[in-house]
Amino acid sequence: MRLNGLKDNEGSSKKRMRVGRGIGSGKGKTGGRGVKGQKARTGVAIKGFEGGQMPLHRRLPKRGFHNLFRLDFNEVNIGRIQTAVDAGFLDVKKPVTADTLVAAGVCARARDGVRILGSGELKAVVHFEVVGASKTAVAAIEKLGGSVKILETKADAAQRTANEQKADAKAAKAKA
């Protein structure tokens, strides 16, 4: 085998159609674009345009409510945590946090925190420091002698700070 003998398999690549190269080519004259009008020209951008009529995507009503402040948690089952412990990725002597779960490869990245769910079976005694946990997960963890410490989210901390500021302002107003 030599470099000058290398070639693709038959039929693996198709030659592109060269449009506008004479009537005999089959794609000459109008170049496969039909005749006349805006769409026959280059640079056409009429995605939702309906000739001046109100487009369908603007006629239909908006539906639902999209909360801008919704928190996005990593949901991790206790069975997945047990798999990570068995593989040696998680150290059960230290408390399990969002950062340790990311380092162990259980979560791709820490979003707004980790919430532990109760699906699967946990055999190791593990101490968690997470944003949330389901009742079944807490029961399964505490049955083995582990613990779950619920941390405050950024939104909760901001709300608490705002409430404290309101209380301070109210107290200052009452003194005056």
N, C-alpha and C. Protein backbone atom coordinates (compact mmCIF):
# COMPACT_ATOMS: atom_id res chain seq x y z
N MET A 1 0.84 -1.20 0.00
CA MET A 1 0.00 0.00 0.00
C MET A 1 0.88 1.25 0.00
N ARG A 2 0.52 2.19 -0.85
CA ARG A 2 1.25 3.44 -0.93
C ARG A 2 0.30 4.60 -0.73
N LEU A 3 0.85 5.74 -0.34
CA LEU A 3 0.02 6.93 -0.09
C LEU A 3 -0.72 7.38 -1.33
N ASN A 4 -0.10 7.21 -2.51
CA ASN A 4 -0.78 7.65 -3.72
C ASN A 4 -1.88 6.68 -4.16
N GLY A 5 -2.00 5.57 -3.46
CA GLY A 5 -3.04 4.60 -3.78
C GLY A 5 -4.25 4.69 -2.86
N LEU A 6 -4.21 5.58 -1.86
CA LEU A 6 -5.32 5.72 -0.91
C LEU A 6 -6.50 6.43 -1.56
N LYS A 7 -7.69 5.90 -1.36
CA LYS A 7 -8.90 6.59 -1.83
C LYS A 7 -10.09 6.11 -1.02
N ASP A 8 -11.16 6.90 -1.04
CA ASP A 8 -12.39 6.54 -0.33
C ASP A 8 -13.05 5.36 -0.99
N ASN A 9 -13.96 4.71 -0.25
CA ASN A 9 -14.76 3.63 -0.82
C ASN A 9 -15.70 4.20 -1.87
N GLU A 10 -16.08 3.37 -2.83
CA GLU A 10 -17.00 3.81 -3.87
C GLU A 10 -18.33 4.20 -3.25
N GLY A 11 -18.85 5.36 -3.62
CA GLY A 11 -20.15 5.82 -3.14
C GLY A 11 -20.12 6.47 -1.77
N SER A 12 -18.94 6.60 -1.13
CA SER A 12 -18.88 7.19 0.21
C SER A 12 -19.02 8.70 0.17
N SER A 13 -18.63 9.32 -0.94
CA SER A 13 -18.81 10.76 -1.06
C SER A 13 -19.42 11.08 -2.42
N LYS A 14 -20.21 12.14 -2.44
CA LYS A 14 -20.95 12.50 -3.64
C LYS A 14 -20.46 13.87 -4.10
N LYS A 15 -20.25 14.04 -5.38
CA LYS A 15 -19.81 15.34 -5.89
C LYS A 15 -20.94 16.34 -5.78
N ARG A 16 -20.63 17.57 -5.36
CA ARG A 16 -21.67 18.57 -5.19
C ARG A 16 -22.18 19.05 -6.55
N MET A 17 -23.44 19.46 -6.56
CA MET A 17 -24.05 19.96 -7.80
C MET A 17 -23.58 21.40 -8.01
N ARG A 18 -22.99 21.67 -9.18
CA ARG A 18 -22.55 23.02 -9.51
C ARG A 18 -23.69 23.68 -10.27
N VAL A 19 -24.41 24.58 -9.58
CA VAL A 19 -25.58 25.21 -10.18
C VAL A 19 -25.18 26.43 -11.00
N GLY A 20 -26.05 26.77 -11.95
CA GLY A 20 -25.83 27.96 -12.77
C GLY A 20 -24.71 27.81 -13.76
N ARG A 21 -24.51 26.61 -14.31
CA ARG A 21 -23.42 26.37 -15.26
C ARG A 21 -23.96 25.93 -16.62
N GLY A 22 -25.03 26.59 -17.07
CA GLY A 22 -25.56 26.30 -18.41
C GLY A 22 -26.76 25.37 -18.38
N ILE A 23 -27.63 25.53 -19.39
CA ILE A 23 -28.88 24.79 -19.46
C ILE A 23 -28.62 23.28 -19.55
N GLY A 24 -27.57 22.87 -20.23
CA GLY A 24 -27.28 21.45 -20.41
C GLY A 24 -26.97 20.71 -19.12
N SER A 25 -26.59 21.44 -18.07
CA SER A 25 -26.22 20.77 -16.81
C SER A 25 -27.44 20.26 -16.05
N GLY A 26 -28.62 20.78 -16.37
CA GLY A 26 -29.82 20.39 -15.63
C GLY A 26 -30.11 21.31 -14.46
N LYS A 27 -29.12 22.09 -14.03
CA LYS A 27 -29.34 23.06 -12.94
C LYS A 27 -28.79 24.42 -13.38
N GLY A 28 -29.02 24.74 -14.63
CA GLY A 28 -28.54 26.02 -15.14
C GLY A 28 -29.64 27.06 -15.10
N LYS A 29 -29.41 28.19 -15.71
CA LYS A 29 -30.36 29.30 -15.80
C LYS A 29 -30.81 29.76 -14.43
N THR A 30 -31.88 29.19 -13.86
CA THR A 30 -32.38 29.65 -12.55
C THR A 30 -31.68 28.95 -11.40
N GLY A 31 -30.86 27.97 -11.67
CA GLY A 31 -30.07 27.33 -10.61
C GLY A 31 -30.90 26.58 -9.59
N GLY A 32 -32.02 26.00 -10.02
CA GLY A 32 -32.83 25.22 -9.09
C GLY A 32 -33.67 26.05 -8.14
N ARG A 33 -33.74 27.38 -8.38
CA ARG A 33 -34.47 28.26 -7.47
C ARG A 33 -35.86 28.61 -7.98
N GLY A 34 -36.30 28.05 -9.08
CA GLY A 34 -37.56 28.47 -9.65
C GLY A 34 -37.36 29.77 -10.39
N VAL A 35 -38.42 30.58 -10.47
CA VAL A 35 -38.31 31.82 -11.22
C VAL A 35 -38.81 32.99 -10.39
N LYS A 36 -38.12 34.11 -10.46
CA LYS A 36 -38.52 35.39 -9.87
C LYS A 36 -38.81 35.34 -8.37
N GLY A 37 -39.02 36.51 -7.84
CA GLY A 37 -39.46 36.63 -6.45
C GLY A 37 -38.33 36.65 -5.44
N GLN A 38 -38.72 36.97 -4.20
CA GLN A 38 -37.73 37.15 -3.14
C GLN A 38 -36.93 35.88 -2.86
N LYS A 39 -37.58 34.74 -2.89
CA LYS A 39 -36.88 33.49 -2.56
C LYS A 39 -35.91 33.05 -3.64
N ALA A 40 -36.02 33.62 -4.84
CA ALA A 40 -35.07 33.31 -5.89
C ALA A 40 -33.75 34.04 -5.68
N ARG A 41 -33.74 35.07 -4.82
CA ARG A 41 -32.54 35.86 -4.57
C ARG A 41 -31.75 35.27 -3.39
N THR A 42 -30.52 35.72 -3.23
CA THR A 42 -29.73 35.28 -2.08
C THR A 42 -30.07 36.13 -0.87
N GLY A 43 -29.72 35.62 0.31
CA GLY A 43 -29.88 36.38 1.54
C GLY A 43 -31.31 36.54 1.99
N VAL A 44 -32.16 35.54 1.74
CA VAL A 44 -33.56 35.62 2.14
C VAL A 44 -33.70 35.19 3.59
N ALA A 45 -34.36 36.01 4.40
CA ALA A 45 -34.59 35.65 5.80
C ALA A 45 -36.04 35.95 6.14
N ILE A 46 -36.92 35.03 5.82
CA ILE A 46 -38.34 35.24 6.09
C ILE A 46 -38.88 34.06 6.89
N LYS A 47 -38.25 33.79 8.03
CA LYS A 47 -38.55 32.59 8.82
C LYS A 47 -40.02 32.46 9.19
N GLY A 48 -40.58 33.46 9.87
CA GLY A 48 -41.97 33.33 10.30
C GLY A 48 -42.88 34.30 9.57
N PHE A 49 -42.40 34.86 8.47
CA PHE A 49 -43.15 35.90 7.78
C PHE A 49 -44.27 35.30 6.95
N GLU A 50 -45.49 35.86 7.08
CA GLU A 50 -46.66 35.34 6.36
C GLU A 50 -47.28 36.43 5.49
N GLY A 51 -46.45 37.20 4.80
CA GLY A 51 -46.96 38.20 3.88
C GLY A 51 -47.63 39.37 4.55
N GLY A 52 -47.23 39.71 5.74
CA GLY A 52 -47.82 40.84 6.45
C GLY A 52 -48.92 40.42 7.42
N GLN A 53 -49.49 39.24 7.23
CA GLN A 53 -50.47 38.70 8.18
C GLN A 53 -49.74 38.39 9.49
N MET A 54 -50.45 38.51 10.62
CA MET A 54 -49.82 38.22 11.91
C MET A 54 -49.37 36.75 11.94
N PRO A 55 -48.07 36.50 12.14
CA PRO A 55 -47.55 35.13 12.08
C PRO A 55 -48.17 34.22 13.15
N LEU A 56 -48.21 32.94 12.85
CA LEU A 56 -48.83 31.97 13.73
C LEU A 56 -48.21 31.99 15.13
N HIS A 57 -46.90 32.09 15.22
CA HIS A 57 -46.24 32.06 16.52
C HIS A 57 -46.57 33.29 17.36
N ARG A 58 -47.07 34.37 16.72
CA ARG A 58 -47.50 35.55 17.48
C ARG A 58 -49.00 35.55 17.74
N ARG A 59 -49.76 34.76 16.95
CA ARG A 59 -51.21 34.67 17.15
C ARG A 59 -51.55 33.78 18.34
N LEU A 60 -50.72 32.77 18.59
CA LEU A 60 -51.02 31.83 19.67
C LEU A 60 -50.69 32.45 21.02
N PRO A 61 -51.49 32.16 22.05
CA PRO A 61 -51.24 32.76 23.37
C PRO A 61 -50.03 32.13 24.05
N LYS A 62 -49.43 32.92 24.93
CA LYS A 62 -48.35 32.39 25.77
C LYS A 62 -48.99 31.55 26.85
N ARG A 63 -48.38 30.46 27.22
CA ARG A 63 -48.98 29.56 28.21
C ARG A 63 -48.01 29.35 29.37
N GLY A 64 -48.60 29.23 30.57
CA GLY A 64 -47.82 28.84 31.73
C GLY A 64 -47.06 29.98 32.37
N PHE A 65 -46.33 29.62 33.41
CA PHE A 65 -45.55 30.57 34.19
C PHE A 65 -44.13 30.05 34.29
N HIS A 66 -43.16 30.89 34.01
CA HIS A 66 -41.77 30.50 34.09
C HIS A 66 -41.09 31.32 35.17
N ASN A 67 -40.81 30.67 36.28
CA ASN A 67 -40.21 31.35 37.43
C ASN A 67 -38.73 31.61 37.16
N LEU A 68 -38.36 32.88 37.15
CA LEU A 68 -36.96 33.25 36.90
C LEU A 68 -36.05 32.87 38.06
N PHE A 69 -36.64 32.73 39.25
CA PHE A 69 -35.84 32.50 40.46
C PHE A 69 -35.84 31.04 40.89
N ARG A 70 -36.36 30.14 40.02
CA ARG A 70 -36.44 28.73 40.37
C ARG A 70 -35.04 28.16 40.57
N LEU A 71 -34.87 27.35 41.60
CA LEU A 71 -33.58 26.74 41.87
C LEU A 71 -33.48 25.41 41.15
N ASP A 72 -32.28 25.11 40.68
CA ASP A 72 -32.03 23.88 39.94
C ASP A 72 -31.09 23.01 40.77
N PHE A 73 -31.64 21.93 41.35
CA PHE A 73 -30.85 21.08 42.23
C PHE A 73 -30.34 19.85 41.48
N ASN A 74 -29.20 19.34 41.93
CA ASN A 74 -28.74 18.02 41.49
C ASN A 74 -29.47 17.01 42.36
N GLU A 75 -30.20 16.09 41.73
CA GLU A 75 -30.92 15.07 42.48
C GLU A 75 -30.12 13.78 42.42
N VAL A 76 -29.73 13.28 43.58
CA VAL A 76 -28.88 12.10 43.64
C VAL A 76 -29.56 11.06 44.53
N ASN A 77 -29.70 9.84 44.02
CA ASN A 77 -30.28 8.75 44.80
C ASN A 77 -29.22 8.13 45.70
N ILE A 78 -29.67 7.56 46.83
CA ILE A 78 -28.72 6.96 47.77
C ILE A 78 -28.06 5.72 47.17
N GLY A 79 -28.74 5.06 46.24
CA GLY A 79 -28.13 3.92 45.54
C GLY A 79 -26.92 4.34 44.73
N ARG A 80 -26.98 5.50 44.11
CA ARG A 80 -25.87 6.04 43.32
C ARG A 80 -24.69 6.39 44.24
N ILE A 81 -25.01 6.88 45.42
CA ILE A 81 -23.96 7.23 46.39
C ILE A 81 -23.28 5.96 46.88
N GLN A 82 -24.06 4.89 47.12
CA GLN A 82 -23.49 3.61 47.55
C GLN A 82 -22.55 3.05 46.48
N THR A 83 -22.92 3.22 45.21
CA THR A 83 -22.06 2.77 44.11
C THR A 83 -20.72 3.52 44.13
N ALA A 84 -20.78 4.83 44.39
CA ALA A 84 -19.55 5.64 44.45
C ALA A 84 -18.70 5.25 45.66
N VAL A 85 -19.35 4.91 46.78
CA VAL A 85 -18.61 4.48 47.98
C VAL A 85 -17.93 3.14 47.71
N ASP A 86 -18.67 2.20 47.08
CA ASP A 86 -18.10 0.88 46.77
C ASP A 86 -16.91 0.99 45.82
N ALA A 87 -16.99 1.93 44.87
CA ALA A 87 -15.90 2.11 43.90
C ALA A 87 -14.71 2.85 44.50
N GLY A 88 -14.89 3.42 45.70
CA GLY A 88 -13.80 4.13 46.36
C GLY A 88 -13.67 5.59 45.98
N PHE A 89 -14.69 6.13 45.29
CA PHE A 89 -14.65 7.53 44.89
C PHE A 89 -15.05 8.46 46.03
N LEU A 90 -15.84 7.98 46.97
CA LEU A 90 -16.30 8.80 48.10
C LEU A 90 -15.69 8.29 49.40
N ASP A 91 -15.21 9.21 50.22
CA ASP A 91 -14.67 8.88 51.53
C ASP A 91 -15.79 9.07 52.56
N VAL A 92 -16.22 7.98 53.21
CA VAL A 92 -17.35 8.07 54.15
C VAL A 92 -16.95 8.66 55.49
N LYS A 93 -15.65 8.80 55.73
CA LYS A 93 -15.19 9.39 57.01
C LYS A 93 -15.46 10.90 57.05
N LYS A 94 -15.41 11.52 55.86
CA LYS A 94 -15.65 12.97 55.77
C LYS A 94 -17.12 13.20 55.39
N PRO A 95 -17.67 14.37 55.77
CA PRO A 95 -19.06 14.66 55.36
C PRO A 95 -19.17 14.83 53.84
N VAL A 96 -20.26 14.30 53.28
CA VAL A 96 -20.48 14.37 51.84
C VAL A 96 -21.19 15.67 51.52
N THR A 97 -20.55 16.50 50.70
CA THR A 97 -21.13 17.79 50.28
C THR A 97 -21.26 17.79 48.76
N ALA A 98 -21.77 18.89 48.22
CA ALA A 98 -21.91 19.03 46.77
C ALA A 98 -20.54 18.95 46.09
N ASP A 99 -19.54 19.57 46.69
CA ASP A 99 -18.19 19.57 46.10
C ASP A 99 -17.58 18.18 46.06
N THR A 100 -17.77 17.39 47.15
CA THR A 100 -17.22 16.04 47.16
C THR A 100 -17.92 15.15 46.15
N LEU A 101 -19.23 15.36 45.94
CA LEU A 101 -19.96 14.58 44.95
C LEU A 101 -19.49 14.91 43.52
N VAL A 102 -19.18 16.18 43.27
CA VAL A 102 -18.65 16.58 41.96
C VAL A 102 -17.26 15.97 41.76
N ALA A 103 -16.43 16.03 42.80
CA ALA A 103 -15.08 15.47 42.72
C ALA A 103 -15.12 13.96 42.51
N ALA A 104 -16.14 13.28 43.07
CA ALA A 104 -16.27 11.83 42.93
C ALA A 104 -16.87 11.44 41.59
N GLY A 105 -17.41 12.41 40.85
CA GLY A 105 -18.00 12.13 39.55
C GLY A 105 -19.46 11.72 39.62
N VAL A 106 -20.08 11.88 40.79
CA VAL A 106 -21.50 11.55 40.94
C VAL A 106 -22.35 12.62 40.25
N CYS A 107 -21.94 13.88 40.38
CA CYS A 107 -22.61 15.00 39.71
C CYS A 107 -21.61 15.64 38.73
N ALA A 108 -22.13 16.11 37.62
CA ALA A 108 -21.25 16.76 36.64
C ALA A 108 -20.78 18.10 37.19
N ARG A 109 -21.70 18.87 37.79
CA ARG A 109 -21.34 20.16 38.38
C ARG A 109 -22.35 20.50 39.46
N ALA A 110 -21.95 21.29 40.43
CA ALA A 110 -22.86 21.71 41.49
C ALA A 110 -23.69 22.86 40.97
N ARG A 111 -24.99 22.67 40.89
CA ARG A 111 -25.87 23.73 40.43
C ARG A 111 -26.21 24.61 41.62
N ASP A 112 -27.47 24.56 42.07
CA ASP A 112 -27.85 25.35 43.24
C ASP A 112 -27.80 24.51 44.52
N GLY A 113 -27.21 23.33 44.44
CA GLY A 113 -27.10 22.46 45.60
C GLY A 113 -27.52 21.04 45.24
N VAL A 114 -27.37 20.15 46.20
CA VAL A 114 -27.70 18.74 45.99
C VAL A 114 -28.87 18.35 46.87
N ARG A 115 -29.79 17.58 46.28
CA ARG A 115 -30.92 17.03 47.03
C ARG A 115 -30.81 15.51 46.96
N ILE A 116 -30.84 14.86 48.12
CA ILE A 116 -30.70 13.42 48.21
C ILE A 116 -32.09 12.78 48.13
N LEU A 117 -32.22 11.77 47.26
CA LEU A 117 -33.47 11.04 47.11
C LEU A 117 -33.29 9.60 47.59
N GLY A 118 -34.40 8.93 47.93
CA GLY A 118 -34.34 7.65 48.64
C GLY A 118 -34.36 6.40 47.81
N SER A 119 -34.15 6.48 46.50
CA SER A 119 -34.19 5.28 45.67
C SER A 119 -32.86 4.53 45.79
N GLY A 120 -32.93 3.22 45.90
CA GLY A 120 -31.73 2.40 46.02
C GLY A 120 -31.49 2.00 47.46
N GLU A 121 -30.35 1.34 47.69
CA GLU A 121 -30.03 0.85 49.02
C GLU A 121 -28.68 1.40 49.45
N LEU A 122 -28.62 1.88 50.70
CA LEU A 122 -27.39 2.42 51.26
C LEU A 122 -26.91 1.47 52.35
N LYS A 123 -25.63 1.09 52.31
CA LYS A 123 -25.08 0.16 53.30
C LYS A 123 -24.06 0.84 54.19
N ALA A 124 -23.45 1.91 53.72
CA ALA A 124 -22.40 2.60 54.47
C ALA A 124 -23.00 3.69 55.35
N VAL A 125 -22.31 3.97 56.46
CA VAL A 125 -22.71 5.08 57.35
C VAL A 125 -22.12 6.36 56.76
N VAL A 126 -23.00 7.26 56.30
CA VAL A 126 -22.56 8.47 55.61
C VAL A 126 -23.18 9.68 56.28
N HIS A 127 -22.40 10.75 56.40
CA HIS A 127 -22.88 12.02 56.95
C HIS A 127 -22.96 13.03 55.81
N PHE A 128 -24.14 13.59 55.60
CA PHE A 128 -24.38 14.50 54.48
C PHE A 128 -24.53 15.94 54.94
N GLU A 129 -24.07 16.87 54.11
CA GLU A 129 -24.31 18.30 54.27
C GLU A 129 -24.83 18.79 52.93
N VAL A 130 -26.16 18.79 52.76
CA VAL A 130 -26.78 19.09 51.49
C VAL A 130 -27.91 20.09 51.66
N VAL A 131 -28.42 20.58 50.53
CA VAL A 131 -29.50 21.58 50.54
C VAL A 131 -30.84 20.95 50.87
N GLY A 132 -31.04 19.69 50.46
CA GLY A 132 -32.32 19.06 50.74
C GLY A 132 -32.21 17.55 50.67
N ALA A 133 -33.21 16.88 51.26
CA ALA A 133 -33.28 15.42 51.24
C ALA A 133 -34.72 15.01 51.43
N SER A 134 -35.12 13.93 50.75
CA SER A 134 -36.49 13.43 50.90
C SER A 134 -36.62 12.69 52.23
N LYS A 135 -37.86 12.50 52.68
CA LYS A 135 -38.10 11.83 53.96
C LYS A 135 -37.58 10.40 53.94
N THR A 136 -37.78 9.70 52.80
CA THR A 136 -37.32 8.32 52.71
C THR A 136 -35.79 8.24 52.74
N ALA A 137 -35.12 9.22 52.13
CA ALA A 137 -33.65 9.24 52.14
C ALA A 137 -33.14 9.50 53.55
N VAL A 138 -33.74 10.46 54.24
CA VAL A 138 -33.33 10.78 55.61
C VAL A 138 -33.54 9.57 56.51
N ALA A 139 -34.67 8.89 56.37
CA ALA A 139 -34.96 7.70 57.18
C ALA A 139 -33.94 6.60 56.92
N ALA A 140 -33.59 6.37 55.66
CA ALA A 140 -32.63 5.32 55.31
C ALA A 140 -31.23 5.65 55.83
N ILE A 141 -30.85 6.91 55.77
CA ILE A 141 -29.52 7.34 56.22
C ILE A 141 -29.42 7.25 57.74
N GLU A 142 -30.44 7.75 58.44
CA GLU A 142 -30.41 7.76 59.90
C GLU A 142 -30.58 6.36 60.49
N LYS A 143 -31.22 5.45 59.76
CA LYS A 143 -31.38 4.07 60.22
C LYS A 143 -30.03 3.38 60.37
N LEU A 144 -29.09 3.73 59.49
CA LEU A 144 -27.75 3.15 59.52
C LEU A 144 -26.82 3.88 60.49
N GLY A 145 -27.25 5.03 61.03
CA GLY A 145 -26.40 5.78 61.95
C GLY A 145 -25.76 7.00 61.31
N GLY A 146 -26.14 7.32 60.10
CA GLY A 146 -25.62 8.50 59.43
C GLY A 146 -26.43 9.72 59.82
N SER A 147 -26.10 10.86 59.22
CA SER A 147 -26.82 12.09 59.53
C SER A 147 -26.98 12.94 58.27
N VAL A 148 -28.01 13.79 58.31
CA VAL A 148 -28.26 14.71 57.20
C VAL A 148 -28.37 16.11 57.76
N LYS A 149 -27.44 16.98 57.36
CA LYS A 149 -27.48 18.38 57.77
C LYS A 149 -27.98 19.18 56.58
N ILE A 150 -29.12 19.87 56.76
CA ILE A 150 -29.71 20.65 55.67
C ILE A 150 -29.09 22.05 55.68
N LEU A 151 -28.45 22.40 54.56
CA LEU A 151 -27.80 23.71 54.43
C LEU A 151 -28.78 24.75 53.89
N GLU A 152 -28.43 25.99 54.05
CA GLU A 152 -29.25 27.09 53.55
C GLU A 152 -28.84 27.39 52.11
N THR A 153 -29.83 27.58 51.22
CA THR A 153 -29.53 27.93 49.84
C THR A 153 -29.20 29.41 49.75
N LYS A 154 -28.66 29.82 48.61
CA LYS A 154 -28.34 31.23 48.40
C LYS A 154 -29.60 32.09 48.46
N ALA A 155 -30.69 31.55 47.90
CA ALA A 155 -31.96 32.28 47.89
C ALA A 155 -32.49 32.44 49.30
N ASP A 156 -32.38 31.38 50.12
CA ASP A 156 -32.83 31.45 51.52
C ASP A 156 -32.01 32.48 52.30
N ALA A 157 -30.71 32.49 52.06
CA ALA A 157 -29.83 33.44 52.75
C ALA A 157 -30.18 34.88 52.36
N ALA A 158 -30.45 35.09 51.08
CA ALA A 158 -30.81 36.43 50.62
C ALA A 158 -32.14 36.87 51.21
N GLN A 159 -33.10 35.94 51.29
CA GLN A 159 -34.41 36.24 51.87
C GLN A 159 -34.28 36.58 53.35
N ARG A 160 -33.45 35.78 54.06
CA ARG A 160 -33.24 36.02 55.50
C ARG A 160 -32.60 37.39 55.72
N THR A 161 -31.61 37.75 54.90
CA THR A 161 -30.95 39.05 55.01
C THR A 161 -31.94 40.19 54.76
N ALA A 162 -32.79 40.03 53.75
CA ALA A 162 -33.81 41.05 53.45
C ALA A 162 -34.79 41.20 54.61
N ASN A 163 -35.20 40.08 55.20
CA ASN A 163 -36.12 40.13 56.33
C ASN A 163 -35.48 40.80 57.54
N GLU A 164 -34.19 40.51 57.77
CA GLU A 164 -33.47 41.14 58.89
C GLU A 164 -33.36 42.65 58.68
N GLN A 165 -33.11 43.07 57.44
CA GLN A 165 -33.02 44.50 57.14
C GLN A 165 -34.36 45.19 57.37
N LYS A 166 -35.45 44.52 56.98
CA LYS A 166 -36.79 45.08 57.20
C LYS A 166 -37.07 45.22 58.69
N ALA A 167 -36.68 44.19 59.46
CA ALA A 167 -36.90 44.21 60.91
C ALA A 167 -36.09 45.32 61.56
N ASP A 168 -34.85 45.51 61.11
CA ASP A 168 -33.99 46.58 61.65
C ASP A 168 -34.59 47.95 61.33
N ALA A 169 -35.08 48.12 60.11
CA ALA A 169 -35.68 49.40 59.71
C ALA A 169 -36.94 49.67 60.53
N LYS A 170 -37.72 48.63 60.76
CA LYS A 170 -38.95 48.77 61.54
C LYS A 170 -38.62 49.14 62.99
N ALA A 171 -37.58 48.50 63.55
CA ALA A 171 -37.17 48.80 64.92
C ALA A 171 -36.65 50.22 65.04
N ALA A 172 -35.89 50.68 64.04
CA ALA A 172 -35.35 52.04 64.05
C ALA A 172 -36.48 53.06 63.93
N LYS A 173 -37.48 52.73 63.14
CA LYS A 173 -38.63 53.62 62.97
C LYS A 173 -39.45 53.70 64.26
N ALA A 174 -39.53 52.57 64.96
CA ALA A 174 -40.30 52.54 66.22
C ALA A 174 -39.60 53.36 67.30
N LYS A 175 -38.24 53.36 67.32
CA LYS A 175 -37.49 54.12 68.31
C LYS A 175 -37.61 55.62 68.06
N ALA A 176 -37.69 56.00 66.80
CA ALA A 176 -37.72 57.43 66.44
C ALA A 176 -39.05 58.07 66.72
